[in-house]
Amino acid sequence: MALVAVLLPLVLLGALLALGWYEELMLSPPRRRVRHLRLVPDPVDEPAQAAPAEAALGRRHAA
């Protein structure tokens, strides 16, 4: 009986805090998730990165 008197308020407090966190999560505006890893690079970034490498190759062959 004493165990229930000690543990029940702690369990109820934990449930109350969890429900409050869940409510805040559901009511908050959706956050935009930014992906850090991409399988395919953007087409805009690709030519800018390839151009200096091709220029360096062209200079080696011309010399």
N, C-alpha and C. Protein backbone atom coordinates (compact mmCIF):
# COMPACT_ATOMS: atom_id res chain seq x y z
N MET A 1 0.82 -1.18 0.00
CA MET A 1 0.00 0.00 0.00
C MET A 1 0.87 1.26 0.00
N ALA A 2 1.93 1.23 0.77
CA ALA A 2 2.84 2.38 0.82
C ALA A 2 3.56 2.54 -0.52
N LEU A 3 3.86 1.42 -1.16
CA LEU A 3 4.52 1.47 -2.46
C LEU A 3 3.64 2.17 -3.49
N VAL A 4 2.36 1.88 -3.49
CA VAL A 4 1.42 2.54 -4.39
C VAL A 4 1.33 4.02 -4.07
N ALA A 5 1.33 4.38 -2.80
CA ALA A 5 1.24 5.78 -2.40
C ALA A 5 2.48 6.56 -2.83
N VAL A 6 3.62 5.90 -2.95
CA VAL A 6 4.85 6.58 -3.36
C VAL A 6 4.99 6.61 -4.88
N LEU A 7 4.70 5.50 -5.53
CA LEU A 7 4.93 5.40 -6.97
C LEU A 7 3.81 5.98 -7.83
N LEU A 8 2.59 5.92 -7.38
CA LEU A 8 1.46 6.38 -8.20
C LEU A 8 1.55 7.87 -8.54
N PRO A 9 1.87 8.75 -7.60
CA PRO A 9 2.01 10.17 -7.99
C PRO A 9 3.14 10.40 -8.99
N LEU A 10 4.23 9.67 -8.85
CA LEU A 10 5.33 9.82 -9.81
C LEU A 10 4.94 9.35 -11.20
N VAL A 11 4.21 8.27 -11.28
CA VAL A 11 3.76 7.75 -12.58
C VAL A 11 2.77 8.73 -13.20
N LEU A 12 1.85 9.25 -12.40
CA LEU A 12 0.88 10.22 -12.91
C LEU A 12 1.56 11.51 -13.36
N LEU A 13 2.56 11.97 -12.63
CA LEU A 13 3.30 13.16 -13.01
C LEU A 13 4.05 12.93 -14.33
N GLY A 14 4.66 11.76 -14.47
CA GLY A 14 5.34 11.43 -15.73
C GLY A 14 4.37 11.38 -16.89
N ALA A 15 3.19 10.81 -16.68
CA ALA A 15 2.18 10.75 -17.74
C ALA A 15 1.70 12.15 -18.10
N LEU A 16 1.53 13.00 -17.11
CA LEU A 16 1.09 14.37 -17.36
C LEU A 16 2.13 15.15 -18.16
N LEU A 17 3.40 14.99 -17.81
CA LEU A 17 4.46 15.67 -18.56
C LEU A 17 4.57 15.13 -19.98
N ALA A 18 4.41 13.84 -20.15
CA ALA A 18 4.47 13.25 -21.49
C ALA A 18 3.31 13.74 -22.35
N LEU A 19 2.12 13.84 -21.78
CA LEU A 19 0.98 14.34 -22.55
C LEU A 19 1.16 15.82 -22.90
N GLY A 20 1.74 16.59 -21.99
CA GLY A 20 2.02 18.00 -22.29
C GLY A 20 3.02 18.15 -23.42
N TRP A 21 4.06 17.31 -23.42
CA TRP A 21 5.05 17.34 -24.50
C TRP A 21 4.41 16.94 -25.83
N TYR A 22 3.56 15.92 -25.78
CA TYR A 22 2.89 15.46 -26.99
C TYR A 22 1.95 16.55 -27.54
N GLU A 23 1.25 17.24 -26.65
CA GLU A 23 0.35 18.31 -27.09
C GLU A 23 1.14 19.44 -27.74
N GLU A 24 2.26 19.83 -27.15
CA GLU A 24 3.09 20.88 -27.75
C GLU A 24 3.62 20.44 -29.11
N LEU A 25 3.97 19.18 -29.22
CA LEU A 25 4.48 18.66 -30.49
C LEU A 25 3.40 18.71 -31.57
N MET A 26 2.17 18.37 -31.20
CA MET A 26 1.09 18.33 -32.18
C MET A 26 0.59 19.73 -32.54
N LEU A 27 0.62 20.68 -31.62
CA LEU A 27 0.08 22.01 -31.87
C LEU A 27 1.10 22.97 -32.47
N SER A 28 2.37 22.68 -32.37
CA SER A 28 3.38 23.59 -32.90
C SER A 28 3.36 23.52 -34.43
N PRO A 29 3.76 24.62 -35.08
CA PRO A 29 3.80 24.60 -36.55
C PRO A 29 4.85 23.60 -37.03
N PRO A 30 4.61 22.98 -38.16
CA PRO A 30 5.59 21.98 -38.64
C PRO A 30 6.92 22.64 -38.97
N ARG A 31 7.98 22.01 -38.53
CA ARG A 31 9.31 22.52 -38.82
C ARG A 31 9.76 22.01 -40.17
N ARG A 32 10.46 22.85 -40.89
CA ARG A 32 11.01 22.43 -42.18
C ARG A 32 12.27 21.63 -41.91
N ARG A 33 12.28 20.44 -42.40
CA ARG A 33 13.45 19.59 -42.19
C ARG A 33 14.43 19.80 -43.34
N VAL A 34 15.65 20.04 -42.99
CA VAL A 34 16.70 20.27 -43.97
C VAL A 34 17.53 18.99 -44.08
N ARG A 35 17.66 18.52 -45.26
CA ARG A 35 18.47 17.33 -45.48
C ARG A 35 19.93 17.73 -45.65
N HIS A 36 20.78 17.03 -44.96
CA HIS A 36 22.20 17.32 -45.07
C HIS A 36 22.87 16.43 -46.11
N LEU A 37 22.32 15.27 -46.33
CA LEU A 37 22.89 14.34 -47.29
C LEU A 37 21.95 14.20 -48.47
N ARG A 38 22.51 14.22 -49.66
CA ARG A 38 21.70 14.05 -50.86
C ARG A 38 22.32 12.96 -51.71
N LEU A 39 21.47 12.16 -52.32
CA LEU A 39 21.97 11.11 -53.20
C LEU A 39 22.47 11.68 -54.52
N VAL A 40 21.78 12.70 -55.01
CA VAL A 40 22.12 13.30 -56.29
C VAL A 40 22.38 14.78 -56.06
N PRO A 41 23.52 15.32 -56.49
CA PRO A 41 23.78 16.75 -56.28
C PRO A 41 22.84 17.60 -57.12
N ASP A 42 22.64 18.83 -56.71
CA ASP A 42 21.81 19.75 -57.48
C ASP A 42 22.45 20.01 -58.83
N PRO A 43 21.65 20.16 -59.89
CA PRO A 43 22.22 20.44 -61.21
C PRO A 43 22.95 21.77 -61.27
N VAL A 44 22.58 22.73 -60.45
CA VAL A 44 23.23 24.03 -60.46
C VAL A 44 24.64 23.92 -59.90
N ASP A 45 24.85 23.08 -58.88
CA ASP A 45 26.16 22.94 -58.26
C ASP A 45 27.12 22.11 -59.11
N GLU A 46 26.62 21.21 -59.89
CA GLU A 46 27.47 20.27 -60.62
C GLU A 46 28.38 20.94 -61.66
N PRO A 47 27.89 21.81 -62.57
CA PRO A 47 28.79 22.40 -63.56
C PRO A 47 29.85 23.31 -62.94
N ALA A 48 29.52 23.99 -61.86
CA ALA A 48 30.49 24.88 -61.22
C ALA A 48 31.65 24.08 -60.64
N GLN A 49 31.39 22.89 -60.15
CA GLN A 49 32.46 22.07 -59.59
C GLN A 49 33.25 21.36 -60.69
N ALA A 50 32.63 21.04 -61.79
CA ALA A 50 33.30 20.30 -62.85
C ALA A 50 34.15 21.23 -63.72
N ALA A 51 33.79 22.49 -63.85
CA ALA A 51 34.51 23.40 -64.74
C ALA A 51 35.98 23.60 -64.34
N PRO A 52 36.33 23.86 -63.10
CA PRO A 52 37.76 24.02 -62.77
C PRO A 52 38.56 22.74 -63.00
N ALA A 53 37.97 21.60 -62.78
CA ALA A 53 38.69 20.34 -63.00
C ALA A 53 38.98 20.14 -64.49
N GLU A 54 38.00 20.47 -65.35
CA GLU A 54 38.22 20.33 -66.78
C GLU A 54 39.24 21.34 -67.28
N ALA A 55 39.23 22.53 -66.71
CA ALA A 55 40.20 23.54 -67.13
C ALA A 55 41.61 23.11 -66.75
N ALA A 56 41.76 22.50 -65.59
CA ALA A 56 43.08 22.03 -65.16
C ALA A 56 43.56 20.90 -66.07
N LEU A 57 42.66 20.02 -66.49
CA LEU A 57 43.05 18.94 -67.40
C LEU A 57 43.47 19.51 -68.75
N GLY A 58 42.73 20.52 -69.22
CA GLY A 58 43.06 21.13 -70.50
C GLY A 58 44.43 21.80 -70.49
N ARG A 59 44.79 22.39 -69.39
CA ARG A 59 46.09 23.05 -69.29
C ARG A 59 47.21 22.02 -69.27
N ARG A 60 46.98 20.88 -68.67
CA ARG A 60 48.03 19.86 -68.62
C ARG A 60 48.31 19.29 -70.03
N HIS A 61 47.24 19.11 -70.79
CA HIS A 61 47.43 18.54 -72.12
C HIS A 61 48.02 19.54 -73.08
N ALA A 62 47.74 20.79 -72.88
CA ALA A 62 48.25 21.82 -73.79
C ALA A 62 49.74 22.06 -73.58
N ALA A 63 50.25 21.78 -72.39
CA ALA A 63 51.66 22.07 -72.11
C ALA A 63 52.51 20.98 -72.60
